Each structure stands twice: as C-alpha cells, then as structure tokens.
Amino acid sequence: MSFPRPGPAASRTVAGPDQQLIRWEIVHFTLSQTFKMDGADEPFKDLYGDLTVSPNQRIGFHADARYNVYDLGLREANADIRLTCPRFSAAVGPASTSRVPAAISGRNRWYWC
C-alpha cells in the first residue's frame, strides 16, 4: 500500500493577440512511502521524495532522495539541472547511491541524457 502526496503548482505565459497561453508546472513535489501489510518486521519501505522546479520552459531543476526509516539513513540522492531547447534537451548533475559496489560508493557521477 502506497500513499504518494503530489503537490503541483502551475503557471502560464501571457498571451498576445492571436496567441495561446502556454501552461506548465513551476513546482512539483511528491513524497511517498509504502506500508507492507503482510506482518513483516519492518513494514515501512523507504521514504521517497521527488522535487522538480521549472521557473520557465527551458530551464529546470530536479532532485530526488530515498531515506530508510530503520536507521539505514539516506540510501539514494540525485539532482540535475535541465536545459530544454526545441531540437534537444540535456541534463547534468550528481548522483549518489548506497546500492552501488563499494569501489564507487559515495562518489558523485556526472551524466548526460
């Protein structure tokens, strides 16, 4: 059983004559956690948060994190800055996870998409 809590905030452009409004979400925040009803010793799964901020249609920021409530702490954290143009989009940012092999655990990695 999961109960996410979404929270979008929308914006729009100003339309001139013979133009249409353009709408987008400025801020989108989701916080969720799953509860296992099968009688497990640790019924709560990781707490997950996701935040996206888009002040305009071309530039955006995204971050997400996963936190274990049973003393394992922060298990995963990612962030990126995004640029969207008519012909391409790019994102770059650090990522950190406790699920990767020990050789690269705790280091940031940079990626393009």
C-alpha atoms as a PDB file:
ATOM      1  CA  MET A   1       0.000   0.000   0.000  1.00  0.00           C
ATOM      2  CA  SER A   2       1.498   3.360  -1.047  1.00  0.00           C
ATOM      3  CA  PHE A   3       0.210   6.847  -0.429  1.00  0.00           C
ATOM      4  CA  PRO A   4       2.001   9.483  -2.515  1.00  0.00           C
ATOM      5  CA  ARG A   5       1.314  13.143  -1.816  1.00  0.00           C
ATOM      6  CA  PRO A   6       1.672  15.116  -5.053  1.00  0.00           C
ATOM      7  CA  GLY A   7       1.703  18.884  -4.988  1.00  0.00           C
ATOM      8  CA  PRO A   8       1.910  20.654  -8.354  1.00  0.00           C
ATOM      9  CA  ALA A   9       1.970  24.443  -8.776  1.00  0.00           C
ATOM     10  CA  ALA A  10       1.180  25.679 -12.270  1.00  0.00           C
ATOM     11  CA  SER A  11       1.994  28.830 -14.237  1.00  0.00           C
ATOM     12  CA  ARG A  12       1.219  30.238 -17.647  1.00  0.00           C
ATOM     13  CA  THR A  13       2.561  32.729 -20.129  1.00  0.00           C
ATOM     14  CA  VAL A  14       0.892  35.986 -21.108  1.00  0.00           C
ATOM     15  CA  ALA A  15      -0.779  35.691 -24.479  1.00  0.00           C
ATOM     16  CA  GLY A  16      -0.570  38.432 -27.068  1.00  0.00           C
ATOM     17  CA  PRO A  17      -3.053  38.995 -29.868  1.00  0.00           C
ATOM     18  CA  ASP A  18      -3.756  35.812 -31.836  1.00  0.00           C
ATOM     19  CA  GLN A  19      -1.642  33.717 -29.426  1.00  0.00           C
ATOM     20  CA  GLN A  20      -2.492  30.974 -26.979  1.00  0.00           C
ATOM     21  CA  LEU A  21      -1.391  30.652 -23.359  1.00  0.00           C
ATOM     22  CA  ILE A  22       1.340  28.143 -22.592  1.00  0.00           C
ATOM     23  CA  ARG A  23       0.949  26.345 -19.264  1.00  0.00           C
ATOM     24  CA  TRP A  24       3.493  24.316 -17.262  1.00  0.00           C
ATOM     25  CA  GLU A  25       4.193  23.196 -13.719  1.00  0.00           C
ATOM     26  CA  ILE A  26       6.596  25.514 -11.873  1.00  0.00           C
ATOM     27  CA  VAL A  27       6.979  23.211  -8.864  1.00  0.00           C
ATOM     28  CA  HIS A  28       6.073  19.565  -8.481  1.00  0.00           C
ATOM     29  CA  PHE A  29       6.754  17.805  -5.155  1.00  0.00           C
ATOM     30  CA  THR A  30       5.930  14.197  -4.307  1.00  0.00           C
ATOM     31  CA  LEU A  31       6.509  12.475  -1.002  1.00  0.00           C
ATOM     32  CA  SER A  32       5.616   8.792  -0.705  1.00  0.00           C
ATOM     33  CA  GLN A  33       6.112   5.764   1.481  1.00  0.00           C
ATOM     34  CA  THR A  34       4.873   2.183   1.188  1.00  0.00           C
ATOM     35  CA  PHE A  35       3.454   0.152   4.063  1.00  0.00           C
ATOM     36  CA  LYS A  36       3.629  -3.649   3.757  1.00  0.00           C
ATOM     37  CA  MET A  37       0.560  -5.262   5.326  1.00  0.00           C
ATOM     38  CA  ASP A  38       1.922  -8.810   5.411  1.00  0.00           C
ATOM     39  CA  GLY A  39       3.122  -8.663   9.049  1.00  0.00           C
ATOM     40  CA  ALA A  40       6.791  -8.065   8.199  1.00  0.00           C
ATOM     41  CA  ASP A  41       9.270  -6.982  10.899  1.00  0.00           C
ATOM     42  CA  GLU A  42       9.853  -3.692   9.088  1.00  0.00           C
ATOM     43  CA  PRO A  43       6.526  -2.787   7.456  1.00  0.00           C
ATOM     44  CA  PHE A  44       7.578   0.672   6.214  1.00  0.00           C
ATOM     45  CA  LYS A  45       9.573   0.850   2.998  1.00  0.00           C
ATOM     46  CA  ASP A  46      11.923   3.744   2.182  1.00  0.00           C
ATOM     47  CA  LEU A  47      10.538   7.282   2.300  1.00  0.00           C
ATOM     48  CA  TYR A  48      10.870   8.764  -1.191  1.00  0.00           C
ATOM     49  CA  GLY A  49      10.812  12.449  -2.135  1.00  0.00           C
ATOM     50  CA  ASP A  50      10.874  13.951  -5.607  1.00  0.00           C
ATOM     51  CA  LEU A  51      11.100  17.678  -6.409  1.00  0.00           C
ATOM     52  CA  THR A  52      11.031  19.364  -9.813  1.00  0.00           C
ATOM     53  CA  VAL A  53      11.323  23.143 -10.211  1.00  0.00           C
ATOM     54  CA  SER A  54      10.844  24.705 -13.650  1.00  0.00           C
ATOM     55  CA  PRO A  55      10.942  28.509 -13.464  1.00  0.00           C
ATOM     56  CA  ASN A  56      10.465  28.673 -17.234  1.00  0.00           C
ATOM     57  CA  GLN A  57      10.027  26.271 -20.124  1.00  0.00           C
ATOM     58  CA  ARG A  58      13.728  25.962 -20.940  1.00  0.00           C
ATOM     59  CA  ILE A  59      15.492  25.547 -17.588  1.00  0.00           C
ATOM     60  CA  GLY A  60      14.619  23.153 -14.785  1.00  0.00           C
ATOM     61  CA  PHE A  61      15.979  21.549 -11.638  1.00  0.00           C
ATOM     62  CA  HIS A  62      15.188  18.051 -10.425  1.00  0.00           C
ATOM     63  CA  ALA A  63      16.130  16.248  -7.210  1.00  0.00           C
ATOM     64  CA  ASP A  64      15.032  13.020  -5.597  1.00  0.00           C
ATOM     65  CA  ALA A  65      16.062  11.110  -2.499  1.00  0.00           C
ATOM     66  CA  ARG A  66      15.292   7.831  -0.764  1.00  0.00           C
ATOM     67  CA  TYR A  67      15.560   7.588   3.046  1.00  0.00           C
ATOM     68  CA  ASN A  68      15.357   4.405   5.122  1.00  0.00           C
ATOM     69  CA  VAL A  69      13.410   4.899   8.360  1.00  0.00           C
ATOM     70  CA  TYR A  70      15.072   1.898  10.060  1.00  0.00           C
ATOM     71  CA  ASP A  71      18.444   3.512  10.872  1.00  0.00           C
ATOM     72  CA  LEU A  72      19.988   2.942   7.440  1.00  0.00           C
ATOM     73  CA  GLY A  73      19.689   6.649   6.654  1.00  0.00           C
ATOM     74  CA  LEU A  74      19.923   8.250   3.243  1.00  0.00           C
ATOM     75  CA  ARG A  75      20.143   5.481   0.650  1.00  0.00           C
ATOM     76  CA  GLU A  76      19.998   7.435  -2.587  1.00  0.00           C
ATOM     77  CA  ALA A  77      20.161  11.074  -3.697  1.00  0.00           C
ATOM     78  CA  ASN A  78      20.154  12.507  -7.210  1.00  0.00           C
ATOM     79  CA  ALA A  79      19.966  16.009  -8.653  1.00  0.00           C
ATOM     80  CA  ASP A  80      20.250  17.575 -12.068  1.00  0.00           C
ATOM     81  CA  ILE A  81      19.869  20.808 -13.981  1.00  0.00           C
ATOM     82  CA  ARG A  82      17.982  20.516 -17.245  1.00  0.00           C
ATOM     83  CA  LEU A  83      18.040  22.583 -20.403  1.00  0.00           C
ATOM     84  CA  THR A  84      15.297  22.070 -22.972  1.00  0.00           C
ATOM     85  CA  CYS A  85      15.522  23.561 -26.462  1.00  0.00           C
ATOM     86  CA  PRO A  86      13.301  22.943 -29.477  1.00  0.00           C
ATOM     87  CA  ARG A  87      15.709  20.395 -31.005  1.00  0.00           C
ATOM     88  CA  PHE A  88      17.343  18.818 -27.943  1.00  0.00           C
ATOM     89  CA  SER A  89      17.345  18.554 -24.180  1.00  0.00           C
ATOM     90  CA  ALA A  90      20.247  17.946 -21.798  1.00  0.00           C
ATOM     91  CA  ALA A  91      20.615  17.249 -18.084  1.00  0.00           C
ATOM     92  CA  VAL A  92      23.708  17.146 -15.922  1.00  0.00           C
ATOM     93  CA  GLY A  93      24.099  16.530 -12.203  1.00  0.00           C
ATOM     94  CA  PRO A  94      25.473  14.376  -9.400  1.00  0.00           C
ATOM     95  CA  ALA A  95      24.067  11.033  -8.273  1.00  0.00           C
ATOM     96  CA  SER A  96      24.824   9.108  -5.113  1.00  0.00           C
ATOM     97  CA  THR A  97      23.539   5.732  -4.015  1.00  0.00           C
ATOM     98  CA  SER A  98      24.353   3.194  -1.313  1.00  0.00           C
ATOM     99  CA  ARG A  99      23.381   0.332  -3.639  1.00  0.00           C
ATOM    100  CA  VAL A 100      26.403   0.551  -5.927  1.00  0.00           C
ATOM    101  CA  PRO A 101      29.563  -1.552  -5.434  1.00  0.00           C
ATOM    102  CA  ALA A 102      31.939  -0.399  -2.690  1.00  0.00           C
ATOM    103  CA  ALA A 103      34.550   0.710  -5.255  1.00  0.00           C
ATOM    104  CA  ILE A 104      32.439   3.724  -6.269  1.00  0.00           C
ATOM    105  CA  SER A 105      30.103   4.069  -3.286  1.00  0.00           C
ATOM    106  CA  GLY A 106      29.657   7.614  -2.052  1.00  0.00           C
ATOM    107  CA  ARG A 107      31.185   9.277  -5.127  1.00  0.00           C
ATOM    108  CA  ASN A 108      29.323  11.543  -7.472  1.00  0.00           C
ATOM    109  CA  ARG A 109      28.930  10.656 -11.108  1.00  0.00           C
ATOM    110  CA  TRP A 110      28.052  13.027 -13.898  1.00  0.00           C
ATOM    111  CA  TYR A 111      25.756  12.085 -16.720  1.00  0.00           C
ATOM    112  CA  TRP A 112      24.185  13.476 -19.869  1.00  0.00           C
ATOM    113  CA  CYS A 113      20.833  12.447 -21.247  1.00  0.00           C
END
